[in-house]
């Protein structure tokens, strides 16, 4: 079977605590071709966590951006794992697969772009990175800093204007929810040479419909469900 790109969602969130180094390594071991993680900027560091608050995924409390870096690093993010820095994730990946960095909160674009350029200087390829966000203003900043960094437009729903702002941001890919994707959206994106990625797909029954649409990639908490189809 000719599979789309399988992207480990928050590492491999169905198998290990999400957005931890354990989950990232698990996603790689399960055959994902790319790992997706989420970042906030705190005290000039990029920390990897999804929610704006700490309660769901750690033993801490409060808002991520209101807490000190030392407090965040003291927390248990599950199974004894710490909230990792972005550079720790990229170092662990070590070019084995691609890295999709989703920007969370304000002020993430500039430090993420700088870090990516540092890795480009050390031998990584631009194609090994993808920066995505629902905050299209942050993506615009990425594009202004370095137009070579691939951008993924996260879209909720099926807005008719998605092609317009995807063009404005020189996007590489558009990311749709599984609940809204249909052939018309795929055809519209493909007509403008955007890759189409779909989130979050965790069952074969869902995959079969999406595969028939000829999408380019899926995000999954359980990448092994799909990599085992090879």
Foldseek 3Di string as FASTA:
>chain_A
DDDFQEEAEQQQVVPFQGVFLVSVVVNVVLPHQEYEWEWDAEPNFTWTDDDQFDPPQWPDTDGPRVDHPVVQQVIQRGPNTGGDTPVVSCVSCVPSHAYEYEYDDPDPQVSVLVVVVVVVVVPDDLVSYEYEYCPVVSLQVNCVVPVSRAYEYEDEAQDPCPVVVCVVSVHQAYEYELVHDDLVSLVVCVVVNHAYEYDDDEDPVSVVRVVVSVHRYYYYSHSNVPVVVD
